[in-house]
């Protein structure tokens, strides 16, 4: 099972935006789709996140906070 941080890194690597109004289902589907595109390897998504953090440090923190909050909300009901 993936951690919240790993799930957030995968979500960060999608084209979804914090301004999108997304349901938990849409977030989980986007994470599944992106993880599949990365060959099921969350480290590939983490590498993208690291590159984005270096290229765009001014937006990295806001986007990662959104991704962490979004996956925490989207996956919490599934864990309960």
C-alpha atoms as a PDB file:
ATOM      1  CA  UNK A   1       0.000   0.000   0.000  1.00  0.00           C
ATOM      2  CA  UNK A   2       1.269   3.470  -0.909  1.00  0.00           C
ATOM      3  CA  UNK A   3       1.755   6.219   1.658  1.00  0.00           C
ATOM      4  CA  UNK A   4      -0.050   9.553   1.541  1.00  0.00           C
ATOM      5  CA  UNK A   5       3.203  11.177   0.443  1.00  0.00           C
ATOM      6  CA  UNK A   6       3.656   8.737  -2.438  1.00  0.00           C
ATOM      7  CA  UNK A   7       0.043   9.220  -3.522  1.00  0.00           C
ATOM      8  CA  UNK A   8       0.496  13.006  -3.367  1.00  0.00           C
ATOM      9  CA  UNK A   9       3.589  12.797  -5.560  1.00  0.00           C
ATOM     10  CA  UNK A  10       1.640  10.827  -8.141  1.00  0.00           C
ATOM     11  CA  UNK A  11      -1.238  13.343  -8.017  1.00  0.00           C
ATOM     12  CA  UNK A  12       1.250  16.213  -8.280  1.00  0.00           C
ATOM     13  CA  UNK A  13       2.484  14.656 -11.534  1.00  0.00           C
ATOM     14  CA  UNK A  14      -0.977  14.803 -13.132  1.00  0.00           C
ATOM     15  CA  UNK A  15      -2.435  17.673 -15.149  1.00  0.00           C
ATOM     16  CA  UNK A  16      -5.087  18.290 -12.481  1.00  0.00           C
ATOM     17  CA  UNK A  17      -5.098  21.714 -10.869  1.00  0.00           C
ATOM     18  CA  UNK A  18      -5.915  22.879  -7.353  1.00  0.00           C
ATOM     19  CA  UNK A  19      -8.666  25.043  -8.866  1.00  0.00           C
ATOM     20  CA  UNK A  20     -10.420  21.960 -10.296  1.00  0.00           C
ATOM     21  CA  UNK A  21     -13.426  20.814  -8.303  1.00  0.00           C
ATOM     22  CA  UNK A  22     -12.662  17.133  -7.997  1.00  0.00           C
ATOM     23  CA  UNK A  23     -14.484  14.330  -6.290  1.00  0.00           C
ATOM     24  CA  UNK A  24     -12.549  11.712  -4.314  1.00  0.00           C
ATOM     25  CA  UNK A  25     -13.309   9.282  -7.153  1.00  0.00           C
ATOM     26  CA  UNK A  26     -11.770  11.631  -9.741  1.00  0.00           C
ATOM     27  CA  UNK A  27      -8.653  12.073  -7.614  1.00  0.00           C
ATOM     28  CA  UNK A  28      -8.227   8.315  -7.132  1.00  0.00           C
ATOM     29  CA  UNK A  29      -8.822   7.704 -10.845  1.00  0.00           C
ATOM     30  CA  UNK A  30      -6.232  10.336 -11.812  1.00  0.00           C
ATOM     31  CA  UNK A  31      -3.700   8.822  -9.411  1.00  0.00           C
ATOM     32  CA  UNK A  32      -4.341   5.336 -10.815  1.00  0.00           C
ATOM     33  CA  UNK A  33      -4.029   6.592 -14.412  1.00  0.00           C
ATOM     34  CA  UNK A  34      -0.805   8.482 -13.765  1.00  0.00           C
ATOM     35  CA  UNK A  35       0.729   5.637 -11.801  1.00  0.00           C
ATOM     36  CA  UNK A  36      -0.067   3.302 -14.675  1.00  0.00           C
ATOM     37  CA  UNK A  37       1.562   5.775 -17.103  1.00  0.00           C
ATOM     38  CA  UNK A  38       4.666   5.640 -14.893  1.00  0.00           C
ATOM     39  CA  UNK A  39       4.805   1.873 -15.250  1.00  0.00           C
ATOM     40  CA  UNK A  40       3.441   1.409 -11.739  1.00  0.00           C
ATOM     41  CA  UNK A  41       6.605   2.928 -10.293  1.00  0.00           C
ATOM     42  CA  UNK A  42       5.899   5.802  -7.872  1.00  0.00           C
ATOM     43  CA  UNK A  43       9.599   6.711  -7.975  1.00  0.00           C
ATOM     44  CA  UNK A  44       9.161   7.862 -11.577  1.00  0.00           C
ATOM     45  CA  UNK A  45       6.476  10.288 -10.402  1.00  0.00           C
ATOM     46  CA  UNK A  46       8.714  11.398  -7.528  1.00  0.00           C
ATOM     47  CA  UNK A  47      11.450  12.219 -10.031  1.00  0.00           C
ATOM     48  CA  UNK A  48       9.026  14.462 -11.918  1.00  0.00           C
ATOM     49  CA  UNK A  49       8.054  16.172  -8.653  1.00  0.00           C
ATOM     50  CA  UNK A  50      11.716  16.818  -7.834  1.00  0.00           C
ATOM     51  CA  UNK A  51      12.275  18.325 -11.261  1.00  0.00           C
ATOM     52  CA  UNK A  52       9.234  20.568 -10.908  1.00  0.00           C
ATOM     53  CA  UNK A  53      10.366  21.656  -7.429  1.00  0.00           C
ATOM     54  CA  UNK A  54      13.690  22.729  -8.902  1.00  0.00           C
ATOM     55  CA  UNK A  55      12.208  24.358 -11.987  1.00  0.00           C
ATOM     56  CA  UNK A  56       9.284  26.093 -10.249  1.00  0.00           C
ATOM     57  CA  UNK A  57      10.017  26.481  -6.536  1.00  0.00           C
ATOM     58  CA  UNK A  58       7.562  29.366  -6.308  1.00  0.00           C
ATOM     59  CA  UNK A  59       4.590  27.075  -7.038  1.00  0.00           C
ATOM     60  CA  UNK A  60       5.886  23.778  -5.678  1.00  0.00           C
ATOM     61  CA  UNK A  61       4.824  24.258  -2.047  1.00  0.00           C
ATOM     62  CA  UNK A  62       1.272  25.312  -2.885  1.00  0.00           C
ATOM     63  CA  UNK A  63       0.781  22.452  -5.349  1.00  0.00           C
ATOM     64  CA  UNK A  64       2.264  19.837  -3.023  1.00  0.00           C
ATOM     65  CA  UNK A  65       0.099  21.037  -0.118  1.00  0.00           C
ATOM     66  CA  UNK A  66      -2.938  20.723  -2.385  1.00  0.00           C
ATOM     67  CA  UNK A  67      -1.867  17.237  -3.493  1.00  0.00           C
ATOM     68  CA  UNK A  68      -1.316  16.093   0.104  1.00  0.00           C
ATOM     69  CA  UNK A  69      -4.692  17.449   1.222  1.00  0.00           C
ATOM     70  CA  UNK A  70      -6.479  16.059  -1.831  1.00  0.00           C
ATOM     71  CA  UNK A  71      -5.193  12.506  -1.448  1.00  0.00           C
ATOM     72  CA  UNK A  72      -5.742  12.556   2.324  1.00  0.00           C
ATOM     73  CA  UNK A  73      -9.389  13.393   1.662  1.00  0.00           C
ATOM     74  CA  UNK A  74      -9.797  11.062  -1.303  1.00  0.00           C
ATOM     75  CA  UNK A  75      -8.272   8.019   0.349  1.00  0.00           C
ATOM     76  CA  UNK A  76      -9.468   8.503   3.950  1.00  0.00           C
ATOM     77  CA  UNK A  77     -12.986   7.132   3.298  1.00  0.00           C
ATOM     78  CA  UNK A  78     -11.510   4.096   1.537  1.00  0.00           C
ATOM     79  CA  UNK A  79      -9.349   3.338   4.583  1.00  0.00           C
ATOM     80  CA  UNK A  80     -12.232   3.644   7.041  1.00  0.00           C
END
